């Protein structure tokens, strides 16, 4: 019996039935969380201005530069800032996407003025690796085809050919019944 007990890494016993049922969150009143209320800023310029005002504090600038110095990419840092602001109810997802690029540019300029080497992050998918792997597969296919050209495939006597009649009706359930065999309950009259 003791073997079936689930425990957290801290050692606390976990019961799989001690969780919310699906849809339970929909029974709570709206507006309980900041993102369920109307956003504070709907104008992207105002939202960006609010975020940039936070950088007036030297502690925020120092923390941002320290994170960039540790190797966190600009894109990851900005994504964190935007996600935090979104969950606080400052703006919606559309405004967040509109101000993302400008906020990334601001953080890059901030790092350049401080003389910190920074990583931008993954900007676009590099399809070079994909096309190289496809060309590798094509080369391997050519090699296999060349090796198979010299080999003759002979038919074994263990197999025999079977002809299948295409016009013959089958008793499959997927076949549509003919109108002769199909009649409705209403057509049968009184039972």
Protein backbone atom coordinates (compact mmCIF):
# COMPACT_ATOMS: atom_id res chain seq x y z
CA UNK A 1 0.00 0.00 0.00
CA UNK A 2 2.89 2.36 0.81
CA UNK A 3 4.31 1.92 -2.73
CA UNK A 4 1.34 3.69 -4.39
CA UNK A 5 1.78 6.95 -2.45
CA UNK A 6 2.82 9.87 -4.66
CA UNK A 7 5.15 12.39 -3.10
CA UNK A 8 6.47 15.80 -4.13
CA UNK A 9 10.25 16.32 -4.14
CA UNK A 10 9.78 18.05 -0.76
CA UNK A 11 8.30 14.83 0.64
CA UNK A 12 4.72 16.11 0.85
CA UNK A 13 2.10 13.46 0.03
CA UNK A 14 0.08 14.26 -3.11
CA UNK A 15 -3.42 12.98 -3.75
CA UNK A 16 -4.35 12.94 -7.44
CA UNK A 17 -7.97 13.79 -6.55
CA UNK A 18 -7.03 17.05 -4.79
CA UNK A 19 -7.30 19.30 -7.80
CA UNK A 20 -9.91 21.45 -9.50
CA UNK A 21 -12.37 19.79 -11.82
CA UNK A 22 -12.25 20.87 -15.47
CA UNK A 23 -14.25 24.06 -15.95
CA UNK A 24 -14.27 24.98 -12.28
CA UNK A 25 -12.47 28.25 -12.99
CA UNK A 26 -15.41 29.32 -15.16
CA UNK A 27 -17.71 29.30 -12.12
CA UNK A 28 -15.78 32.09 -10.38
CA UNK A 29 -16.82 35.73 -10.87
CA UNK A 30 -15.09 37.63 -13.69
CA UNK A 31 -12.49 40.26 -12.83
CA UNK A 32 -10.79 38.22 -10.16
CA UNK A 33 -7.49 38.38 -12.05
CA UNK A 34 -5.94 41.52 -13.60
CA UNK A 35 -6.00 40.14 -17.15
CA UNK A 36 -9.77 39.55 -16.92
CA UNK A 37 -10.41 43.28 -16.50
CA UNK A 38 -10.13 45.86 -19.28
CA UNK A 39 -6.47 46.80 -19.85
CA UNK A 40 -5.08 50.02 -18.45
CA UNK A 41 -3.53 51.00 -21.82
CA UNK A 42 -5.08 50.34 -25.22
CA UNK A 43 -2.80 52.71 -27.13
CA UNK A 44 0.60 51.12 -27.96
CA UNK A 45 2.40 54.48 -27.56
CA UNK A 46 1.00 54.93 -24.06
CA UNK A 47 1.86 51.34 -23.09
CA UNK A 48 5.42 51.71 -24.39
CA UNK A 49 5.78 55.04 -22.60
CA UNK A 50 4.69 53.43 -19.34
CA UNK A 51 7.28 50.64 -19.71
CA UNK A 52 10.04 53.09 -20.63
CA UNK A 53 9.18 55.24 -17.58
CA UNK A 54 10.18 52.28 -15.44
CA UNK A 55 13.74 52.71 -16.73
CA UNK A 56 13.96 56.12 -15.07
CA UNK A 57 14.84 54.24 -11.90
CA UNK A 58 18.58 53.44 -11.83
CA UNK A 59 17.93 50.13 -10.01
CA UNK A 60 15.84 48.89 -12.94
CA UNK A 61 18.56 49.89 -15.40
CA UNK A 62 21.20 48.15 -13.29
CA UNK A 63 19.14 44.95 -13.09
CA UNK A 64 18.51 45.00 -16.86
CA UNK A 65 22.19 45.47 -17.66
CA UNK A 66 23.22 42.77 -15.16
CA UNK A 67 20.84 40.29 -16.80
CA UNK A 68 22.19 41.14 -20.27
CA UNK A 69 25.77 40.79 -18.98
CA UNK A 70 24.95 37.28 -17.71
CA UNK A 71 23.99 36.19 -21.23
CA UNK A 72 20.21 36.49 -21.29
CA UNK A 73 19.13 37.48 -24.79
CA UNK A 74 17.39 40.77 -25.52
CA UNK A 75 14.37 38.92 -26.93
CA UNK A 76 14.00 36.80 -23.77
CA UNK A 77 14.32 39.84 -21.51
CA UNK A 78 11.72 41.82 -23.45
CA UNK A 79 9.40 38.83 -23.58
CA UNK A 80 9.59 38.61 -19.78
CA UNK A 81 8.89 42.34 -19.36
CA UNK A 82 5.90 42.15 -21.69
CA UNK A 83 4.49 39.01 -20.09
CA UNK A 84 4.75 40.53 -16.62
CA UNK A 85 3.00 43.70 -17.79
CA UNK A 86 0.29 41.70 -19.56
CA UNK A 87 -0.48 39.59 -16.49
CA UNK A 88 -0.63 42.78 -14.42
CA UNK A 89 -3.43 43.97 -16.73
CA UNK A 90 -1.54 46.90 -18.26
CA UNK A 91 -2.34 45.99 -21.86
CA UNK A 92 -3.74 43.20 -24.01
CA UNK A 93 -1.84 40.74 -26.21
CA UNK A 94 -2.25 42.82 -29.38
CA UNK A 95 -0.66 45.88 -27.80
CA UNK A 96 2.08 43.66 -26.38
CA UNK A 97 2.97 42.44 -29.85
CA UNK A 98 2.93 45.96 -31.26
CA UNK A 99 5.39 47.36 -28.69
CA UNK A 100 7.73 44.33 -28.59
CA UNK A 101 10.06 45.47 -31.38
CA UNK A 102 10.43 49.02 -30.03
CA UNK A 103 11.15 47.74 -26.53
CA UNK A 104 13.82 45.40 -27.94
CA UNK A 105 15.46 48.33 -29.73
CA UNK A 106 15.43 50.39 -26.51
CA UNK A 107 17.12 47.59 -24.54
CA UNK A 108 19.76 47.20 -27.27
CA UNK A 109 20.52 50.93 -27.23
CA UNK A 110 20.71 50.85 -23.43
CA UNK A 111 23.24 47.99 -23.56
CA UNK A 112 25.32 49.70 -26.27
CA UNK A 113 25.53 52.91 -24.24
CA UNK A 114 26.66 50.91 -21.21
CA UNK A 115 29.29 49.12 -23.32
CA UNK A 116 27.83 45.65 -22.72
CA UNK A 117 28.08 42.96 -25.36
CA UNK A 118 24.63 41.45 -25.68
CA UNK A 119 22.91 38.65 -27.57
CA UNK A 120 19.86 39.52 -29.60
CA UNK A 121 18.38 36.04 -29.59
CA UNK A 122 16.91 33.89 -32.28
CA UNK A 123 15.52 36.27 -34.86
CA UNK A 124 14.41 34.07 -37.73
CA UNK A 125 14.36 30.38 -38.49
CA UNK A 126 17.47 29.50 -40.42
CA UNK A 127 16.32 27.18 -43.18
CA UNK A 128 19.92 26.50 -44.25
CA UNK A 129 20.17 23.45 -41.97
CA UNK A 130 16.84 22.13 -43.24
CA UNK A 131 17.87 22.34 -46.89
CA UNK A 132 21.26 20.78 -46.11
CA UNK A 133 19.55 17.81 -44.45
CA UNK A 134 17.26 17.40 -47.47
CA UNK A 135 20.26 17.36 -49.82
CA UNK A 136 21.89 14.72 -47.59
CA UNK A 137 18.79 12.53 -47.93
CA UNK A 138 18.76 13.00 -51.69
CA UNK A 139 22.41 11.91 -51.90
CA UNK A 140 21.70 8.84 -49.76
CA UNK A 141 18.71 7.96 -51.96
CA UNK A 142 20.92 8.14 -55.08
CA UNK A 143 23.45 5.80 -53.44
CA UNK A 144 20.73 3.30 -52.51
CA UNK A 145 19.22 3.44 -56.01
CA UNK A 146 22.66 2.79 -57.56
CA UNK A 147 23.19 -0.23 -55.30
CA UNK A 148 19.73 -1.61 -56.09
CA UNK A 149 20.26 -1.37 -59.87
CA UNK A 150 22.55 -4.40 -59.90
CA UNK A 151 20.26 -6.55 -57.78
CA UNK A 152 17.47 -8.47 -59.49
CA UNK A 153 14.37 -9.11 -57.47
CA UNK A 154 12.98 -12.52 -58.24
CA UNK A 155 9.46 -13.66 -57.49
CA UNK A 156 9.20 -16.44 -54.99
CA UNK A 157 7.08 -19.51 -55.66
CA UNK A 158 5.53 -19.16 -52.21
CA UNK A 159 3.26 -16.40 -53.44
CA UNK A 160 0.50 -16.70 -55.98
CA UNK A 161 -1.39 -14.03 -57.81
CA UNK A 162 -5.02 -13.48 -56.88
CA UNK A 163 -7.46 -11.67 -59.11
CA UNK A 164 -10.01 -9.39 -57.48
CA UNK A 165 -13.31 -8.75 -59.16
CA UNK A 166 -13.99 -5.04 -59.10
CA UNK A 167 -17.64 -5.17 -60.15
CA UNK A 168 -18.67 -7.81 -57.62
CA UNK A 169 -20.65 -6.37 -54.70
CA UNK A 170 -19.30 -7.07 -51.28
CA UNK A 171 -21.13 -7.49 -48.00
CA UNK A 172 -19.23 -4.66 -46.36
CA UNK A 173 -21.05 -2.31 -43.99
CA UNK A 174 -19.56 0.65 -45.85
CA UNK A 175 -21.33 -0.18 -49.11
CA UNK A 176 -24.50 1.75 -49.81
CA UNK A 177 -27.49 -0.58 -49.85
CA UNK A 178 -29.39 -0.81 -53.09
CA UNK A 179 -32.83 0.73 -53.37
CA UNK A 180 -34.35 -2.76 -53.81
CA UNK A 181 -33.25 -3.91 -50.38
CA UNK A 182 -33.74 -0.59 -48.67
CA UNK A 183 -37.16 0.45 -47.51
CA UNK A 184 -38.16 2.87 -44.85
CA UNK A 185 -40.37 2.17 -41.87
CA UNK A 186 -43.01 4.52 -43.23
CA UNK A 187 -43.14 2.63 -46.55
CA UNK A 188 -43.88 -0.68 -44.79
CA UNK A 189 -47.18 0.56 -43.46
CA UNK A 190 -48.73 -0.80 -40.28
CA UNK A 191 -46.73 -3.33 -38.40
